[in-house]
C-alpha atoms as a PDB file:
ATOM      1  CA  MET A   1     106.757 105.636 127.999  1.00  0.00           C
ATOM      2  CA  THR A   2     109.311 102.988 129.206  1.00  0.00           C
ATOM      3  CA  MET A   3     109.890 102.040 125.715  1.00  0.00           C
ATOM      4  CA  LYS A   4     113.760 101.545 124.753  1.00  0.00           C
ATOM      5  CA  LYS A   5     115.525 103.531 122.455  1.00  0.00           C
ATOM      6  CA  ASP A   6     115.358 100.779 120.123  1.00  0.00           C
ATOM      7  CA  LEU A   7     112.872  98.311 118.358  1.00  0.00           C
ATOM      8  CA  LEU A   8     114.946  95.177 118.954  1.00  0.00           C
ATOM      9  CA  LYS A   9     112.022  92.589 119.609  1.00  0.00           C
ATOM     10  CA  LEU A  10     108.317  92.657 121.001  1.00  0.00           C
ATOM     11  CA  LEU A  11     109.744  90.991 124.352  1.00  0.00           C
ATOM     12  CA  ASP A  12     111.439  94.426 125.139  1.00  0.00           C
ATOM     13  CA  LEU A  13     108.186  96.084 125.258  1.00  0.00           C
ATOM     14  CA  SER A  14     104.974  96.558 127.585  1.00  0.00           C
ATOM     15  CA  GLY A  15     101.274  96.139 126.427  1.00  0.00           C
ATOM     16  CA  GLU A  16     101.145 100.000 127.239  1.00  0.00           C
ATOM     17  CA  ASP A  17     104.389 100.474 124.731  1.00  0.00           C
ATOM     18  CA  ILE A  18     102.814  98.510 121.980  1.00  0.00           C
ATOM     19  CA  LEU A  19      99.195 100.349 121.972  1.00  0.00           C
ATOM     20  CA  LYS A  20     100.842 103.814 122.089  1.00  0.00           C
ATOM     21  CA  ILE A  21     102.714 102.620 118.980  1.00  0.00           C
ATOM     22  CA  LEU A  22      99.284 101.186 117.562  1.00  0.00           C
ATOM     23  CA  ASP A  23      97.441 104.455 118.505  1.00  0.00           C
ATOM     24  CA  LEU A  24     100.398 106.949 116.833  1.00  0.00           C
ATOM     25  CA  ALA A  25     100.239 104.727 113.955  1.00  0.00           C
ATOM     26  CA  ASP A  26      96.194 105.149 113.586  1.00  0.00           C
ATOM     27  CA  GLN A  27      96.922 109.027 113.703  1.00  0.00           C
ATOM     28  CA  LEU A  28      99.647 108.896 111.130  1.00  0.00           C
ATOM     29  CA  LYS A  29      97.355 106.716 108.934  1.00  0.00           C
ATOM     30  CA  TYR A  30      94.773 109.153 109.437  1.00  0.00           C
ATOM     31  CA  ASP A  31      96.819 111.742 108.552  1.00  0.00           C
ATOM     32  CA  GLN A  32      98.610 110.355 105.198  1.00  0.00           C
ATOM     33  CA  HIS A  33      94.864 109.629 104.087  1.00  0.00           C
ATOM     34  CA  HIS A  34      93.741 112.994 104.716  1.00  0.00           C
ATOM     35  CA  GLY A  35      96.605 114.785 102.867  1.00  0.00           C
ATOM     36  CA  LEU A  36      97.566 115.995 106.856  1.00  0.00           C
ATOM     37  CA  PRO A  37     101.283 117.274 107.002  1.00  0.00           C
ATOM     38  CA  HIS A  38     103.184 115.372 109.318  1.00  0.00           C
ATOM     39  CA  LYS A  39     106.660 116.215 108.661  1.00  0.00           C
ATOM     40  CA  TYR A  40     107.728 114.675 112.223  1.00  0.00           C
ATOM     41  CA  LEU A  41     111.290 113.717 110.950  1.00  0.00           C
ATOM     42  CA  GLU A  42     112.545 116.547 108.842  1.00  0.00           C
ATOM     43  CA  GLY A  43     115.926 116.808 108.189  1.00  0.00           C
ATOM     44  CA  LYS A  44     116.732 113.389 110.016  1.00  0.00           C
ATOM     45  CA  THR A  45     118.113 110.070 108.113  1.00  0.00           C
ATOM     46  CA  LEU A  46     117.400 106.265 108.528  1.00  0.00           C
ATOM     47  CA  ALA A  47     120.183 104.014 107.459  1.00  0.00           C
ATOM     48  CA  MET A  48     118.796 100.641 105.959  1.00  0.00           C
ATOM     49  CA  ILE A  49     120.855  97.768 106.280  1.00  0.00           C
ATOM     50  CA  PHE A  50     119.649  94.703 104.332  1.00  0.00           C
ATOM     51  CA  GLU A  51     121.355  91.723 104.693  1.00  0.00           C
ATOM     52  CA  LYS A  52     118.011  89.591 103.864  1.00  0.00           C
ATOM     53  CA  ASN A  53     116.412  90.970 100.605  1.00  0.00           C
ATOM     54  CA  SER A  54     112.927  92.499 100.492  1.00  0.00           C
ATOM     55  CA  THR A  55     110.042  94.204  98.979  1.00  0.00           C
ATOM     56  CA  ARG A  56     107.444  95.603 101.650  1.00  0.00           C
ATOM     57  CA  THR A  57     110.045  96.371 104.293  1.00  0.00           C
ATOM     58  CA  ARG A  58     112.573  98.436 102.445  1.00  0.00           C
ATOM     59  CA  VAL A  59     109.385 100.395 100.620  1.00  0.00           C
ATOM     60  CA  SER A  60     107.739 100.706 103.544  1.00  0.00           C
ATOM     61  CA  PHE A  61     110.800 102.398 105.432  1.00  0.00           C
ATOM     62  CA  GLU A  62     111.514 104.300 102.494  1.00  0.00           C
ATOM     63  CA  THR A  63     108.104 105.522 101.822  1.00  0.00           C
ATOM     64  CA  GLY A  64     107.803 106.372 105.223  1.00  0.00           C
ATOM     65  CA  MET A  65     110.931 108.266 106.057  1.00  0.00           C
ATOM     66  CA  PHE A  66     109.978 110.367 103.286  1.00  0.00           C
ATOM     67  CA  GLN A  67     106.015 111.014 104.346  1.00  0.00           C
ATOM     68  CA  LEU A  68     107.530 112.197 107.511  1.00  0.00           C
ATOM     69  CA  GLY A  69     109.905 114.661 105.980  1.00  0.00           C
ATOM     70  CA  GLY A  70     113.041 112.543 106.106  1.00  0.00           C
ATOM     71  CA  HIS A  71     115.671 110.517 103.788  1.00  0.00           C
ATOM     72  CA  ALA A  72     116.640 107.059 104.050  1.00  0.00           C
ATOM     73  CA  LEU A  73     119.520 105.264 102.516  1.00  0.00           C
ATOM     74  CA  PHE A  74     119.604 101.683 101.337  1.00  0.00           C
ATOM     75  CA  LEU A  75     122.422  99.783 102.150  1.00  0.00           C
ATOM     76  CA  SER A  76     122.903  96.502 100.697  1.00  0.00           C
ATOM     77  CA  GLY A  77     124.711  93.958 103.111  1.00  0.00           C
ATOM     78  CA  LYS A  78     126.639  92.706  99.668  1.00  0.00           C
ATOM     79  CA  GLU A  79     127.764  96.188  98.851  1.00  0.00           C
ATOM     80  CA  SER A  80     128.486  97.734 102.117  1.00  0.00           C
ATOM     81  CA  GLN A  81     131.713  97.289 104.488  1.00  0.00           C
ATOM     82  CA  ILE A  82     129.422  95.003 106.819  1.00  0.00           C
ATOM     83  CA  GLY A  83     129.331  92.573 103.778  1.00  0.00           C
ATOM     84  CA  ARG A  84     133.192  92.544 103.669  1.00  0.00           C
ATOM     85  CA  GLY A  85     133.521  91.667 106.784  1.00  0.00           C
ATOM     86  CA  GLU A  86     133.654  95.075 109.007  1.00  0.00           C
ATOM     87  CA  PRO A  87     132.609  94.365 112.649  1.00  0.00           C
ATOM     88  CA  ILE A  88     128.920  95.497 113.415  1.00  0.00           C
ATOM     89  CA  GLN A  89     130.020  97.345 116.295  1.00  0.00           C
ATOM     90  CA  ASP A  90     132.663  99.716 114.038  1.00  0.00           C
ATOM     91  CA  THR A  91     129.440  99.764 111.557  1.00  0.00           C
ATOM     92  CA  ALA A  92     127.456 101.022 114.543  1.00  0.00           C
ATOM     93  CA  ARG A  93     129.795 103.746 115.665  1.00  0.00           C
ATOM     94  CA  VAL A  94     130.063 105.020 112.301  1.00  0.00           C
ATOM     95  CA  LEU A  95     126.574 104.827 110.996  1.00  0.00           C
ATOM     96  CA  SER A  96     125.498 106.972 114.467  1.00  0.00           C
ATOM     97  CA  ARG A  97     127.848 109.893 113.829  1.00  0.00           C
ATOM     98  CA  TYR A  98     126.288 110.260 110.156  1.00  0.00           C
ATOM     99  CA  CYS A  99     122.463 109.438 110.616  1.00  0.00           C
ATOM    100  CA  ASP A 100     119.627 109.561 113.357  1.00  0.00           C
ATOM    101  CA  GLY A 101     118.233 106.156 113.060  1.00  0.00           C
ATOM    102  CA  ILE A 102     119.077 102.529 111.768  1.00  0.00           C
ATOM    103  CA  MET A 103     116.723  99.757 110.280  1.00  0.00           C
ATOM    104  CA  ILE A 104     118.280  96.064 109.903  1.00  0.00           C
ATOM    105  CA  ARG A 105     116.675  93.003 108.328  1.00  0.00           C
ATOM    106  CA  THR A 106     119.092  90.395 108.642  1.00  0.00           C
ATOM    107  CA  PHE A 107     119.645  86.988 109.926  1.00  0.00           C
ATOM    108  CA  GLY A 108     120.928  86.628 113.385  1.00  0.00           C
ATOM    109  CA  GLN A 109     119.153  88.558 116.381  1.00  0.00           C
ATOM    110  CA  GLU A 110     122.550  88.606 117.996  1.00  0.00           C
ATOM    111  CA  GLU A 111     123.721  91.121 115.128  1.00  0.00           C
ATOM    112  CA  VAL A 112     120.910  93.681 115.915  1.00  0.00           C
ATOM    113  CA  GLU A 113     121.310  93.168 119.831  1.00  0.00           C
ATOM    114  CA  THR A 114     125.218  94.210 119.078  1.00  0.00           C
ATOM    115  CA  LEU A 115     124.135  96.901 116.789  1.00  0.00           C
ATOM    116  CA  ALA A 116     121.760  98.094 119.624  1.00  0.00           C
ATOM    117  CA  LYS A 117     124.596  97.890 122.052  1.00  0.00           C
ATOM    118  CA  TYR A 118     127.200 100.165 120.287  1.00  0.00           C
ATOM    119  CA  ALA A 119     124.803 102.196 118.213  1.00  0.00           C
ATOM    120  CA  THR A 120     124.137 105.465 120.115  1.00  0.00           C
ATOM    121  CA  ILE A 121     121.125 106.258 117.439  1.00  0.00           C
ATOM    122  CA  PRO A 122     117.997 104.253 117.938  1.00  0.00           C
ATOM    123  CA  VAL A 123     118.255 100.930 115.974  1.00  0.00           C
ATOM    124  CA  ILE A 124     114.941  99.119 114.337  1.00  0.00           C
ATOM    125  CA  ASN A 125     114.755  95.252 113.870  1.00  0.00           C
ATOM    126  CA  GLY A 126     113.369  94.853 110.198  1.00  0.00           C
ATOM    127  CA  LEU A 127     113.573  91.501 110.517  1.00  0.00           C
ATOM    128  CA  THR A 128     115.743  88.756 111.872  1.00  0.00           C
ATOM    129  CA  ASP A 129     115.469  84.556 112.193  1.00  0.00           C
ATOM    130  CA  PHE A 130     114.033  85.161 115.807  1.00  0.00           C
ATOM    131  CA  ALA A 131     111.671  87.980 115.810  1.00  0.00           C
ATOM    132  CA  HIS A 132     109.676  90.708 112.907  1.00  0.00           C
ATOM    133  CA  PRO A 133     108.590  93.067 115.789  1.00  0.00           C
ATOM    134  CA  CYS A 134     107.661  95.374 113.158  1.00  0.00           C
ATOM    135  CA  GLN A 135     105.003  93.020 110.965  1.00  0.00           C
ATOM    136  CA  VAL A 136     103.208  92.000 113.868  1.00  0.00           C
ATOM    137  CA  LEU A 137     103.017  95.444 115.135  1.00  0.00           C
ATOM    138  CA  ALA A 138     101.072  96.313 111.826  1.00  0.00           C
ATOM    139  CA  ASP A 139      99.235  92.799 112.414  1.00  0.00           C
ATOM    140  CA  LEU A 140      97.727  93.845 115.732  1.00  0.00           C
ATOM    141  CA  MET A 141      96.897  97.273 114.184  1.00  0.00           C
ATOM    142  CA  THR A 142      94.792  95.741 111.521  1.00  0.00           C
ATOM    143  CA  VAL A 143      92.914  93.515 113.597  1.00  0.00           C
ATOM    144  CA  ARG A 144      92.014  96.459 116.028  1.00  0.00           C
ATOM    145  CA  GLU A 145      90.633  98.374 113.193  1.00  0.00           C
ATOM    146  CA  LYS A 146      88.706  95.622 111.931  1.00  0.00           C
ATOM    147  CA  MET A 147      87.380  94.211 115.827  1.00  0.00           C
ATOM    148  CA  ALA A 148      87.701  97.746 117.132  1.00  0.00           C
ATOM    149  CA  HIS A 149      89.721  96.142 120.241  1.00  0.00           C
ATOM    150  CA  LEU A 150      92.387  93.291 121.030  1.00  0.00           C
ATOM    151  CA  ASN A 151      92.034  92.347 124.364  1.00  0.00           C
ATOM    152  CA  GLY A 152      90.135  89.335 124.994  1.00  0.00           C
ATOM    153  CA  LEU A 153      90.105  88.388 120.897  1.00  0.00           C
ATOM    154  CA  LYS A 154      91.562  84.793 119.966  1.00  0.00           C
ATOM    155  CA  MET A 155      94.677  84.672 117.816  1.00  0.00           C
ATOM    156  CA  CYS A 156      95.554  81.306 115.914  1.00  0.00           C
ATOM    157  CA  PHE A 157      98.675  80.891 114.094  1.00  0.00           C
ATOM    158  CA  ILE A 158      98.983  77.991 111.539  1.00  0.00           C
ATOM    159  CA  GLY A 159     102.286  76.997 110.030  1.00  0.00           C
ATOM    160  CA  ASP A 160     106.252  77.404 111.245  1.00  0.00           C
ATOM    161  CA  GLY A 161     107.121  78.345 114.823  1.00  0.00           C
ATOM    162  CA  ASN A 162     109.513  80.785 113.154  1.00  0.00           C
ATOM    163  CA  ASN A 163     110.454  84.519 113.477  1.00  0.00           C
ATOM    164  CA  MET A 164     106.675  85.465 112.941  1.00  0.00           C
ATOM    165  CA  ALA A 165     105.147  82.965 115.374  1.00  0.00           C
ATOM    166  CA  ASN A 166     107.837  84.307 117.886  1.00  0.00           C
ATOM    167  CA  SER A 167     106.292  87.517 117.687  1.00  0.00           C
ATOM    168  CA  LEU A 168     102.801  86.997 117.211  1.00  0.00           C
ATOM    169  CA  ILE A 169     102.907  84.875 120.904  1.00  0.00           C
ATOM    170  CA  VAL A 170     104.337  87.828 122.102  1.00  0.00           C
ATOM    171  CA  GLY A 171     102.303  90.983 120.796  1.00  0.00           C
ATOM    172  CA  GLY A 172      99.336  88.929 121.065  1.00  0.00           C
ATOM    173  CA  LEU A 173      99.987  87.966 124.665  1.00  0.00           C
ATOM    174  CA  LYS A 174     100.994  91.601 125.779  1.00  0.00           C
ATOM    175  CA  VAL A 175      97.985  92.988 124.411  1.00  0.00           C
ATOM    176  CA  GLY A 176      95.434  90.937 126.143  1.00  0.00           C
ATOM    177  CA  MET A 177      94.578  88.453 123.412  1.00  0.00           C
ATOM    178  CA  GLU A 178      94.484  84.641 123.965  1.00  0.00           C
ATOM    179  CA  VAL A 179      96.927  82.725 121.339  1.00  0.00           C
ATOM    180  CA  ALA A 180      97.047  79.325 119.894  1.00  0.00           C
ATOM    181  CA  ILE A 181      99.893  77.826 117.550  1.00  0.00           C
ATOM    182  CA  ALA A 182      99.162  75.135 115.607  1.00  0.00           C
ATOM    183  CA  CYS A 183     102.864  73.344 114.287  1.00  0.00           C
ATOM    184  CA  PRO A 184     104.686  70.354 114.060  1.00  0.00           C
ATOM    185  CA  LYS A 185     106.627  68.848 116.996  1.00  0.00           C
ATOM    186  CA  ASP A 186     110.069  69.836 115.080  1.00  0.00           C
ATOM    187  CA  TYR A 187     109.071  73.342 114.090  1.00  0.00           C
ATOM    188  CA  GLN A 188     108.238  74.955 117.479  1.00  0.00           C
ATOM    189  CA  PRO A 189     108.897  78.459 118.273  1.00  0.00           C
ATOM    190  CA  ASP A 190     111.293  79.702 120.410  1.00  0.00           C
ATOM    191  CA  GLN A 191     112.201  78.460 123.949  1.00  0.00           C
ATOM    192  CA  GLN A 192     112.470  81.827 125.046  1.00  0.00           C
ATOM    193  CA  VAL A 193     109.356  82.664 123.740  1.00  0.00           C
ATOM    194  CA  LEU A 194     107.479  79.463 124.963  1.00  0.00           C
ATOM    195  CA  ASP A 195     109.031  80.462 128.560  1.00  0.00           C
ATOM    196  CA  PHE A 196     107.587  83.830 128.228  1.00  0.00           C
ATOM    197  CA  ALA A 197     103.936  82.448 126.979  1.00  0.00           C
ATOM    198  CA  ALA A 198     103.991  79.903 130.112  1.00  0.00           C
ATOM    199  CA  SER A 199     104.805  83.031 132.512  1.00  0.00           C
ATOM    200  CA  VAL A 200     101.562  84.918 131.183  1.00  0.00           C
ATOM    201  CA  GLU A 201      98.658  83.706 133.463  1.00  0.00           C
ATOM    202  CA  GLY A 202     100.259  80.580 134.350  1.00  0.00           C
ATOM    203  CA  GLY A 203      99.999  79.920 130.551  1.00  0.00           C
ATOM    204  CA  SER A 204      96.407  79.793 130.616  1.00  0.00           C
ATOM    205  CA  LYS A 205      95.944  82.234 127.508  1.00  0.00           C
ATOM    206  CA  PHE A 206      98.242  80.045 125.602  1.00  0.00           C
ATOM    207  CA  LEU A 207      97.622  76.617 123.561  1.00  0.00           C
ATOM    208  CA  MET A 208     100.477  75.234 121.288  1.00  0.00           C
ATOM    209  CA  THR A 209      99.231  71.805 119.487  1.00  0.00           C
ATOM    210  CA  GLU A 210      99.955  69.838 116.537  1.00  0.00           C
ATOM    211  CA  ASP A 211      96.158  69.940 115.574  1.00  0.00           C
ATOM    212  CA  VAL A 212      95.367  72.573 113.463  1.00  0.00           C
ATOM    213  CA  LEU A 213      91.451  72.580 113.806  1.00  0.00           C
ATOM    214  CA  ALA A 214      91.970  72.625 117.856  1.00  0.00           C
ATOM    215  CA  ALA A 215      94.003  75.814 117.388  1.00  0.00           C
ATOM    216  CA  ALA A 216      91.563  77.420 115.001  1.00  0.00           C
ATOM    217  CA  LYS A 217      88.510  76.575 117.293  1.00  0.00           C
ATOM    218  CA  ASP A 218      86.511  79.786 117.971  1.00  0.00           C
ATOM    219  CA  ALA A 219      89.487  81.936 116.667  1.00  0.00           C
ATOM    220  CA  ASP A 220      88.493  85.580 115.967  1.00  0.00           C
ATOM    221  CA  VAL A 221      91.970  86.079 113.643  1.00  0.00           C
ATOM    222  CA  ILE A 222      94.259  83.330 112.152  1.00  0.00           C
ATOM    223  CA  PHE A 223      97.433  84.117 110.809  1.00  0.00           C
ATOM    224  CA  THR A 224      99.937  81.736 108.583  1.00  0.00           C
ATOM    225  CA  ASP A 225     103.533  82.134 107.116  1.00  0.00           C
ATOM    226  CA  VAL A 226     105.136  80.548 104.095  1.00  0.00           C
ATOM    227  CA  TRP A 227     106.374  77.101 104.756  1.00  0.00           C
ATOM    228  CA  ALA A 228     110.269  77.758 103.941  1.00  0.00           C
ATOM    229  CA  SER A 229     111.419  81.126 104.645  1.00  0.00           C
ATOM    230  CA  MET A 230     114.042  83.206 102.967  1.00  0.00           C
ATOM    231  CA  GLY A 231     117.182  81.149 103.421  1.00  0.00           C
ATOM    232  CA  GLN A 232     115.453  78.026 103.528  1.00  0.00           C
ATOM    233  CA  GLU A 233     114.948  77.171 100.385  1.00  0.00           C
ATOM    234  CA  GLU A 234     117.109  73.919 100.303  1.00  0.00           C
ATOM    235  CA  GLU A 235     114.868  72.501 102.700  1.00  0.00           C
ATOM    236  CA  ARG A 236     111.584  72.940 101.141  1.00  0.00           C
ATOM    237  CA  ALA A 237     111.018  69.124  99.919  1.00  0.00           C
ATOM    238  CA  LYS A 238     111.534  68.600 103.543  1.00  0.00           C
ATOM    239  CA  ARG A 239     109.339  71.232 105.270  1.00  0.00           C
ATOM    240  CA  ALA A 240     106.495  70.650 102.158  1.00  0.00           C
ATOM    241  CA  LYS A 241     106.254  67.335 103.774  1.00  0.00           C
ATOM    242  CA  ALA A 242     106.387  68.296 107.370  1.00  0.00           C
ATOM    243  CA  PHE A 243     103.714  71.270 107.167  1.00  0.00           C
ATOM    244  CA  GLU A 244     101.402  69.076 104.932  1.00  0.00           C
ATOM    245  CA  GLY A 245      97.950  69.639 106.774  1.00  0.00           C
ATOM    246  CA  TYR A 246      98.980  73.074 108.100  1.00  0.00           C
ATOM    247  CA  GLN A 247      97.138  74.797 105.820  1.00  0.00           C
ATOM    248  CA  VAL A 248      94.112  77.468 106.325  1.00  0.00           C
ATOM    249  CA  ASN A 249      91.603  76.168 104.198  1.00  0.00           C
ATOM    250  CA  GLN A 250      87.581  76.210 104.402  1.00  0.00           C
ATOM    251  CA  ALA A 251      87.596  73.477 107.246  1.00  0.00           C
ATOM    252  CA  VAL A 252      89.863  75.689 109.262  1.00  0.00           C
ATOM    253  CA  MET A 253      87.344  78.525 108.678  1.00  0.00           C
ATOM    254  CA  ASP A 254      84.681  76.550 109.110  1.00  0.00           C
ATOM    255  CA  VAL A 255      85.573  75.990 113.119  1.00  0.00           C
ATOM    256  CA  ALA A 256      86.758  79.664 113.814  1.00  0.00           C
ATOM    257  CA  HIS A 257      84.486  82.333 114.755  1.00  0.00           C
ATOM    258  CA  PRO A 258      81.868  83.720 112.408  1.00  0.00           C
ATOM    259  CA  GLY A 259      83.297  86.397 110.692  1.00  0.00           C
ATOM    260  CA  CYS A 260      87.276  85.356 111.692  1.00  0.00           C
ATOM    261  CA  MET A 261      89.973  87.836 110.204  1.00  0.00           C
ATOM    262  CA  VAL A 262      92.913  86.084 107.999  1.00  0.00           C
ATOM    263  CA  GLN A 263      96.265  87.677 107.930  1.00  0.00           C
ATOM    264  CA  HIS A 264      99.167  86.621 105.732  1.00  0.00           C
ATOM    265  CA  CYS A 265     102.460  88.465 106.109  1.00  0.00           C
ATOM    266  CA  LEU A 266     103.113  87.758 102.343  1.00  0.00           C
ATOM    267  CA  PRO A 267     104.478  86.921  99.986  1.00  0.00           C
ATOM    268  CA  ALA A 268     102.132  84.220 100.030  1.00  0.00           C
ATOM    269  CA  HIS A 269     102.304  80.622  97.992  1.00  0.00           C
ATOM    270  CA  ARG A 270      98.542  79.986  97.236  1.00  0.00           C
ATOM    271  CA  GLY A 271      97.868  76.061  97.358  1.00  0.00           C
ATOM    272  CA  GLU A 272     100.272  75.541 100.302  1.00  0.00           C
ATOM    273  CA  GLU A 273     100.156  77.507 103.578  1.00  0.00           C
ATOM    274  CA  ILE A 274      96.411  79.107 102.295  1.00  0.00           C
ATOM    275  CA  THR A 275      93.975  78.066  99.446  1.00  0.00           C
ATOM    276  CA  GLU A 276      93.505  80.101  96.737  1.00  0.00           C
ATOM    277  CA  ASP A 277      89.421  80.766  97.883  1.00  0.00           C
ATOM    278  CA  ILE A 278      90.383  81.675 101.289  1.00  0.00           C
ATOM    279  CA  PHE A 279      93.397  84.011 100.437  1.00  0.00           C
ATOM    280  CA  GLU A 280      90.981  85.997  97.817  1.00  0.00           C
ATOM    281  CA  PHE A 281      88.120  86.052  99.853  1.00  0.00           C
ATOM    282  CA  HIS A 282      89.984  87.828 102.864  1.00  0.00           C
ATOM    283  CA  ALA A 283      92.353  89.708 100.347  1.00  0.00           C
ATOM    284  CA  ASP A 284      91.248  93.043 101.669  1.00  0.00           C
ATOM    285  CA  GLU A 285      92.276  92.058 105.073  1.00  0.00           C
ATOM    286  CA  ILE A 286      95.689  90.954 103.603  1.00  0.00           C
ATOM    287  CA  PHE A 287      96.413  93.864 101.904  1.00  0.00           C
ATOM    288  CA  GLU A 288      95.403  96.550 104.694  1.00  0.00           C
ATOM    289  CA  GLU A 289      97.791  94.465 106.853  1.00  0.00           C
ATOM    290  CA  ALA A 290     100.325  95.190 104.378  1.00  0.00           C
ATOM    291  CA  GLU A 291      99.763  98.636 104.063  1.00  0.00           C
ATOM    292  CA  ASN A 292      99.711  98.722 107.824  1.00  0.00           C
ATOM    293  CA  ARG A 293     103.639  98.226 107.826  1.00  0.00           C
ATOM    294  CA  LEU A 294     104.281 101.893 106.449  1.00  0.00           C
ATOM    295  CA  HIS A 295     101.981 103.446 109.313  1.00  0.00           C
ATOM    296  CA  ALA A 296     103.073 101.429 112.192  1.00  0.00           C
ATOM    297  CA  GLN A 297     106.508 101.806 111.107  1.00  0.00           C
ATOM    298  CA  LYS A 298     106.351 105.510 110.985  1.00  0.00           C
ATOM    299  CA  ALA A 299     104.829 105.161 114.186  1.00  0.00           C
ATOM    300  CA  VAL A 300     108.006 103.677 115.687  1.00  0.00           C
ATOM    301  CA  MET A 301     110.565 105.810 114.107  1.00  0.00           C
ATOM    302  CA  VAL A 302     108.694 109.328 115.305  1.00  0.00           C
ATOM    303  CA  LEU A 303     108.553 107.575 118.879  1.00  0.00           C
ATOM    304  CA  LEU A 304     112.749 106.272 118.422  1.00  0.00           C
ATOM    305  CA  MET A 305     113.856 109.341 116.598  1.00  0.00           C
ATOM    306  CA  GLY A 306     112.294 112.151 118.688  1.00  0.00           C
ATOM    307  CA  GLY A 307     109.759 113.345 116.239  1.00  0.00           C
ATOM    308  CA  GLU A 308     107.619 115.989 118.403  1.00  0.00           C
ATOM    309  CA  ILE A 309     104.179 115.041 118.401  1.00  0.00           C
END
C-alpha cells in the first residue's frame, strides 16, 4: 500500500488506498456487529486534539480506540499548552514520545500539515476548514454498502463549497464516481480541488454549477451540509440569503435517479439545507453514515498505527 503514515487529506491517497480502507472498515463493522474480537491496537494510545468541538468525531474515535483495545486521550485546545501558545511543532514532538497516534480537529489545514511534519507518529485529520477525510471515507463506505459499488455512480453535492465539498469531490473522483456540485459563485470549492477535478479525464467527470436541478439530474446519491459551519455563526444571515434555493427537497429528488440516496454529515438544520420530509425519509441512510464514521476511522487507525490484521 502506498499510503503515507498520515491521513491529512484525500488528495494524498490513491483510489486503491481509499478502497483498502473501505474494505477493512467493512470487515471491522462485521466483527463489531457479530461480537468478534478485533483488538488490533491493544496497548496503544491515541491523542485527540480538539480546537473545534464535536460530538461524532470525539465519540467515534474514542469508542473506536476502546474497541480496538487501545486508549484515547481527549485534549481540549483551550485547556492544553497548544491553546496557550506552544508551537505546534513542539506539541508534535512531545506527543510523539508519549502516544502512538494523533488525531486533530482544528481550523487551518497548515496546522495539521505542520503537526505531521514534526510528529514521528501517525497524524489523522479529524476535520479542518479545508478537508474532512474521515467523514468522506464513511460516506463512501455507506454508498458502497447500499449500491454495492462506487465506480460509475453519480454523486451530487448541494450547498457550500466547504471542507465537505472539497473532500467529496476528491474522494468521489478517485474511486471512479461522477461528481456534480451546485453552489453559489461566491462559495465555490478550493482552487486546489478544482484543479484536481479538471485533471481527472480532462474534467469530464466533474460539473460545477449554480443550477441545483442540473447538478442533481440522474444522481445516485445526493449530499448536503449546513449553510454556516462552526466558526461562521456571524455570517449566518448573509449565508441564509446566499444559499436560498440550495436545498435538498422533493423537486431535487424528482430529477435524481429512482432510489437515489441522501447523505448528510450532521448536524442537520431541517428546513434550511434539507426539508424535514426528505431527511426523515432517508434517515436510515443518514444515521448509517454516522455510524460508519466509527468503522472507517477504526480502519484508518489500524492501518496507520501498526495493527496486525
